[in-house]
Amino acid sequence: METILRAIVEADRAARAETDAARKRREDLSLELSECKKQIDARYRQNAEQTIAAARAEMDKKVAQVERDLDVRTARIREGLQKTYAENKSQWVESIVTAVTNG
């Protein structure tokens, strides 16, 4: 009888040791998974930031080009208007004076 009780106690100790080892493995795996998740999140965030920075740089280049094009176009239009004004100023003044005095 004593032998049976001793065997039961030993079996219980062995089962508890296995349970404790399994619990420890589960905790270790949980920590490992948590660390792996952090690394994946960091890589994802870094990739996203790089993608955003590249897109921002590309858009800044496009905006700068559009600004340059607009400046050139505005200067060309301004020159044309100034030329038209210089060429027709006297005629316009005469037309206005004639219209006012005869009108």
N, C-alpha and C. Protein backbone atom coordinates (compact mmCIF):
# COMPACT_ATOMS: atom_id res chain seq x y z
N MET A 1 0.82 -1.18 0.00
CA MET A 1 0.00 0.00 0.00
C MET A 1 0.87 1.26 0.00
N GLU A 2 1.90 1.19 0.83
CA GLU A 2 2.82 2.32 0.90
C GLU A 2 3.51 2.53 -0.44
N THR A 3 3.80 1.48 -1.12
CA THR A 3 4.44 1.56 -2.43
C THR A 3 3.50 2.21 -3.43
N ILE A 4 2.25 1.89 -3.34
CA ILE A 4 1.26 2.48 -4.26
C ILE A 4 1.14 3.97 -3.99
N LEU A 5 1.07 4.35 -2.70
CA LEU A 5 0.98 5.77 -2.35
C LEU A 5 2.22 6.52 -2.82
N ARG A 6 3.39 5.91 -2.64
CA ARG A 6 4.64 6.53 -3.08
C ARG A 6 4.63 6.72 -4.60
N ALA A 7 4.12 5.75 -5.32
CA ALA A 7 4.05 5.82 -6.78
C ALA A 7 3.07 6.93 -7.20
N ILE A 8 1.97 7.05 -6.48
CA ILE A 8 0.99 8.09 -6.78
C ILE A 8 1.60 9.47 -6.53
N VAL A 9 2.30 9.62 -5.40
CA VAL A 9 2.94 10.90 -5.06
C VAL A 9 3.99 11.23 -6.11
N GLU A 10 4.79 10.26 -6.52
CA GLU A 10 5.82 10.49 -7.54
C GLU A 10 5.18 10.86 -8.88
N ALA A 11 4.10 10.19 -9.21
CA ALA A 11 3.40 10.49 -10.46
C ALA A 11 2.83 11.91 -10.41
N ASP A 12 2.31 12.28 -9.23
CA ASP A 12 1.78 13.63 -9.06
C ASP A 12 2.88 14.67 -9.20
N ARG A 13 4.04 14.40 -8.59
CA ARG A 13 5.18 15.33 -8.70
C ARG A 13 5.62 15.46 -10.16
N ALA A 14 5.69 14.34 -10.84
CA ALA A 14 6.10 14.35 -12.24
C ALA A 14 5.09 15.13 -13.09
N ALA A 15 3.81 14.93 -12.82
CA ALA A 15 2.77 15.64 -13.56
C ALA A 15 2.84 17.14 -13.29
N ARG A 16 3.07 17.50 -12.03
CA ARG A 16 3.21 18.93 -11.69
C ARG A 16 4.43 19.53 -12.37
N ALA A 17 5.54 18.79 -12.39
CA ALA A 17 6.75 19.27 -13.05
C ALA A 17 6.50 19.49 -14.54
N GLU A 18 5.80 18.55 -15.18
CA GLU A 18 5.47 18.69 -16.60
C GLU A 18 4.55 19.89 -16.83
N THR A 19 3.58 20.05 -15.92
CA THR A 19 2.65 21.18 -16.03
C THR A 19 3.40 22.50 -15.88
N ASP A 20 4.30 22.54 -14.90
CA ASP A 20 5.09 23.77 -14.70
C ASP A 20 5.98 24.05 -15.92
N ALA A 21 6.58 23.01 -16.45
CA ALA A 21 7.42 23.18 -17.64
C ALA A 21 6.59 23.66 -18.83
N ALA A 22 5.41 23.10 -19.00
CA ALA A 22 4.53 23.52 -20.09
C ALA A 22 4.10 24.98 -19.91
N ARG A 23 3.78 25.36 -18.68
CA ARG A 23 3.40 26.74 -18.39
C ARG A 23 4.56 27.69 -18.71
N LYS A 24 5.77 27.27 -18.32
CA LYS A 24 6.97 28.09 -18.59
C LYS A 24 7.18 28.23 -20.10
N ARG A 25 7.02 27.12 -20.85
CA ARG A 25 7.17 27.18 -22.31
C ARG A 25 6.13 28.12 -22.92
N ARG A 26 4.90 28.04 -22.42
CA ARG A 26 3.84 28.90 -22.93
C ARG A 26 4.17 30.37 -22.66
N GLU A 27 4.65 30.67 -21.46
CA GLU A 27 5.02 32.05 -21.13
C GLU A 27 6.18 32.53 -22.01
N ASP A 28 7.17 31.65 -22.20
CA ASP A 28 8.31 32.01 -23.05
C ASP A 28 7.86 32.27 -24.49
N LEU A 29 6.97 31.41 -25.00
CA LEU A 29 6.45 31.60 -26.35
C LEU A 29 5.64 32.89 -26.46
N SER A 30 4.88 33.19 -25.43
CA SER A 30 4.09 34.40 -25.42
C SER A 30 5.00 35.63 -25.48
N LEU A 31 6.07 35.60 -24.69
CA LEU A 31 7.03 36.71 -24.72
C LEU A 31 7.71 36.80 -26.08
N GLU A 32 8.07 35.67 -26.63
CA GLU A 32 8.72 35.65 -27.94
C GLU A 32 7.78 36.20 -29.02
N LEU A 33 6.52 35.78 -28.98
CA LEU A 33 5.54 36.29 -29.94
C LEU A 33 5.33 37.80 -29.77
N SER A 34 5.30 38.25 -28.55
CA SER A 34 5.13 39.67 -28.29
C SER A 34 6.31 40.47 -28.87
N GLU A 35 7.51 39.96 -28.67
CA GLU A 35 8.70 40.63 -29.20
C GLU A 35 8.69 40.60 -30.73
N CYS A 36 8.28 39.49 -31.30
CA CYS A 36 8.20 39.36 -32.75
C CYS A 36 7.18 40.36 -33.31
N LYS A 37 6.05 40.50 -32.63
CA LYS A 37 5.03 41.45 -33.05
C LYS A 37 5.57 42.87 -33.02
N LYS A 38 6.32 43.21 -31.97
CA LYS A 38 6.91 44.54 -31.87
C LYS A 38 7.86 44.79 -33.04
N GLN A 39 8.66 43.79 -33.39
CA GLN A 39 9.60 43.94 -34.50
C GLN A 39 8.86 44.13 -35.82
N ILE A 40 7.82 43.36 -36.02
CA ILE A 40 7.02 43.48 -37.26
C ILE A 40 6.37 44.86 -37.32
N ASP A 41 5.80 45.30 -36.20
CA ASP A 41 5.19 46.63 -36.16
C ASP A 41 6.22 47.71 -36.47
N ALA A 42 7.40 47.60 -35.90
CA ALA A 42 8.45 48.60 -36.14
C ALA A 42 8.86 48.61 -37.61
N ARG A 43 9.02 47.42 -38.20
CA ARG A 43 9.37 47.35 -39.62
C ARG A 43 8.27 47.94 -40.49
N TYR A 44 7.03 47.61 -40.16
CA TYR A 44 5.90 48.14 -40.92
C TYR A 44 5.86 49.66 -40.83
N ARG A 45 6.02 50.18 -39.63
CA ARG A 45 6.00 51.63 -39.41
C ARG A 45 7.13 52.30 -40.18
N GLN A 46 8.31 51.70 -40.13
CA GLN A 46 9.46 52.26 -40.85
C GLN A 46 9.20 52.27 -42.36
N ASN A 47 8.68 51.17 -42.88
CA ASN A 47 8.37 51.11 -44.31
C ASN A 47 7.32 52.15 -44.68
N ALA A 48 6.31 52.29 -43.84
CA ALA A 48 5.26 53.27 -44.11
C ALA A 48 5.84 54.69 -44.11
N GLU A 49 6.70 54.98 -43.15
CA GLU A 49 7.31 56.31 -43.08
C GLU A 49 8.18 56.58 -44.30
N GLN A 50 8.92 55.56 -44.74
CA GLN A 50 9.75 55.72 -45.94
C GLN A 50 8.89 55.95 -47.17
N THR A 51 7.80 55.21 -47.27
CA THR A 51 6.90 55.37 -48.41
C THR A 51 6.28 56.76 -48.41
N ILE A 52 5.87 57.21 -47.25
CA ILE A 52 5.27 58.55 -47.13
C ILE A 52 6.30 59.62 -47.48
N ALA A 53 7.52 59.46 -46.99
CA ALA A 53 8.57 60.45 -47.28
C ALA A 53 8.87 60.50 -48.77
N ALA A 54 8.91 59.33 -49.41
CA ALA A 54 9.17 59.29 -50.86
C ALA A 54 8.02 59.95 -51.62
N ALA A 55 6.79 59.66 -51.22
CA ALA A 55 5.63 60.27 -51.88
C ALA A 55 5.62 61.78 -51.67
N ARG A 56 5.96 62.21 -50.46
CA ARG A 56 6.01 63.64 -50.16
C ARG A 56 7.07 64.33 -51.02
N ALA A 57 8.23 63.71 -51.14
CA ALA A 57 9.30 64.30 -51.96
C ALA A 57 8.87 64.40 -53.42
N GLU A 58 8.21 63.36 -53.91
CA GLU A 58 7.74 63.37 -55.30
C GLU A 58 6.70 64.47 -55.51
N MET A 59 5.77 64.60 -54.57
CA MET A 59 4.75 65.64 -54.68
C MET A 59 5.37 67.03 -54.58
N ASP A 60 6.37 67.19 -53.72
CA ASP A 60 7.04 68.48 -53.61
C ASP A 60 7.71 68.85 -54.93
N LYS A 61 8.31 67.86 -55.60
CA LYS A 61 8.92 68.11 -56.91
C LYS A 61 7.87 68.53 -57.92
N LYS A 62 6.74 67.84 -57.91
CA LYS A 62 5.67 68.17 -58.86
C LYS A 62 5.12 69.56 -58.59
N VAL A 63 4.91 69.90 -57.32
CA VAL A 63 4.40 71.22 -56.97
C VAL A 63 5.39 72.29 -57.40
N ALA A 64 6.67 72.06 -57.17
CA ALA A 64 7.69 73.03 -57.57
C ALA A 64 7.69 73.23 -59.08
N GLN A 65 7.53 72.15 -59.83
CA GLN A 65 7.48 72.25 -61.29
C GLN A 65 6.25 73.02 -61.75
N VAL A 66 5.11 72.75 -61.13
CA VAL A 66 3.89 73.47 -61.48
C VAL A 66 4.05 74.96 -61.16
N GLU A 67 4.68 75.27 -60.03
CA GLU A 67 4.92 76.68 -59.68
C GLU A 67 5.80 77.36 -60.72
N ARG A 68 6.86 76.66 -61.14
CA ARG A 68 7.75 77.24 -62.16
C ARG A 68 6.99 77.46 -63.47
N ASP A 69 6.20 76.46 -63.87
CA ASP A 69 5.42 76.59 -65.09
C ASP A 69 4.44 77.76 -65.00
N LEU A 70 3.79 77.89 -63.86
CA LEU A 70 2.84 78.97 -63.66
C LEU A 70 3.54 80.33 -63.69
N ASP A 71 4.70 80.41 -63.07
CA ASP A 71 5.47 81.67 -63.09
C ASP A 71 5.83 82.06 -64.52
N VAL A 72 6.28 81.09 -65.32
CA VAL A 72 6.64 81.36 -66.70
C VAL A 72 5.41 81.82 -67.48
N ARG A 73 4.31 81.12 -67.30
CA ARG A 73 3.07 81.47 -68.01
C ARG A 73 2.58 82.86 -67.60
N THR A 74 2.61 83.15 -66.31
CA THR A 74 2.19 84.46 -65.82
C THR A 74 3.07 85.56 -66.38
N ALA A 75 4.37 85.34 -66.41
CA ALA A 75 5.29 86.34 -66.96
C ALA A 75 5.00 86.57 -68.44
N ARG A 76 4.75 85.49 -69.17
CA ARG A 76 4.45 85.61 -70.60
C ARG A 76 3.16 86.41 -70.82
N ILE A 77 2.14 86.11 -70.04
CA ILE A 77 0.86 86.84 -70.15
C ILE A 77 1.05 88.30 -69.78
N ARG A 78 1.81 88.57 -68.70
CA ARG A 78 2.07 89.95 -68.27
C ARG A 78 2.77 90.72 -69.38
N GLU A 79 3.78 90.11 -69.98
CA GLU A 79 4.50 90.77 -71.08
C GLU A 79 3.57 91.08 -72.24
N GLY A 80 2.70 90.11 -72.56
CA GLY A 80 1.75 90.34 -73.65
C GLY A 80 0.80 91.47 -73.34
N LEU A 81 0.28 91.51 -72.11
CA LEU A 81 -0.62 92.59 -71.73
C LEU A 81 0.08 93.95 -71.74
N GLN A 82 1.31 93.99 -71.26
CA GLN A 82 2.05 95.25 -71.26
C GLN A 82 2.33 95.72 -72.68
N LYS A 83 2.64 94.80 -73.56
CA LYS A 83 2.89 95.14 -74.96
C LYS A 83 1.60 95.67 -75.60
N THR A 84 0.48 94.96 -75.36
CA THR A 84 -0.80 95.40 -75.92
C THR A 84 -1.17 96.78 -75.37
N TYR A 85 -0.94 97.01 -74.10
CA TYR A 85 -1.23 98.30 -73.50
C TYR A 85 -0.37 99.38 -74.13
N ALA A 86 0.93 99.11 -74.25
CA ALA A 86 1.85 100.11 -74.83
C ALA A 86 1.46 100.42 -76.28
N GLU A 87 1.05 99.42 -77.03
CA GLU A 87 0.71 99.63 -78.44
C GLU A 87 -0.63 100.35 -78.62
N ASN A 88 -1.58 100.13 -77.72
CA ASN A 88 -2.93 100.64 -77.93
C ASN A 88 -3.38 101.72 -76.95
N LYS A 89 -2.51 102.11 -76.06
CA LYS A 89 -2.88 103.07 -75.01
C LYS A 89 -3.44 104.36 -75.61
N SER A 90 -2.75 104.95 -76.55
CA SER A 90 -3.19 106.23 -77.14
C SER A 90 -4.53 106.07 -77.84
N GLN A 91 -4.69 105.01 -78.59
CA GLN A 91 -5.93 104.77 -79.32
C GLN A 91 -7.10 104.60 -78.34
N TRP A 92 -6.88 103.89 -77.23
CA TRP A 92 -7.93 103.68 -76.23
C TRP A 92 -8.33 105.00 -75.58
N VAL A 93 -7.33 105.83 -75.28
CA VAL A 93 -7.61 107.13 -74.65
C VAL A 93 -8.44 107.98 -75.61
N GLU A 94 -8.03 107.99 -76.87
CA GLU A 94 -8.77 108.77 -77.87
C GLU A 94 -10.20 108.27 -78.01
N SER A 95 -10.38 106.94 -78.02
CA SER A 95 -11.72 106.37 -78.15
C SER A 95 -12.59 106.74 -76.96
N ILE A 96 -12.03 106.70 -75.79
CA ILE A 96 -12.78 107.04 -74.58
C ILE A 96 -13.15 108.52 -74.59
N VAL A 97 -12.19 109.39 -74.94
CA VAL A 97 -12.44 110.83 -74.97
C VAL A 97 -13.52 111.13 -76.02
N THR A 98 -13.40 110.52 -77.19
CA THR A 98 -14.39 110.74 -78.24
C THR A 98 -15.75 110.27 -77.79
N ALA A 99 -15.82 109.12 -77.18
CA ALA A 99 -17.10 108.59 -76.73
C ALA A 99 -17.74 109.47 -75.68
N VAL A 100 -16.92 110.04 -74.79
CA VAL A 100 -17.45 110.89 -73.72
C VAL A 100 -17.90 112.24 -74.28
N THR A 101 -17.09 112.80 -75.15
CA THR A 101 -17.42 114.14 -75.65
C THR A 101 -18.54 114.13 -76.69
N ASN A 102 -18.65 113.06 -77.44
CA ASN A 102 -19.70 112.98 -78.46
C ASN A 102 -20.94 112.26 -77.94
N GLY A 103 -20.79 111.61 -76.84
CA GLY A 103 -21.85 110.74 -76.37
C GLY A 103 -22.93 111.36 -75.66
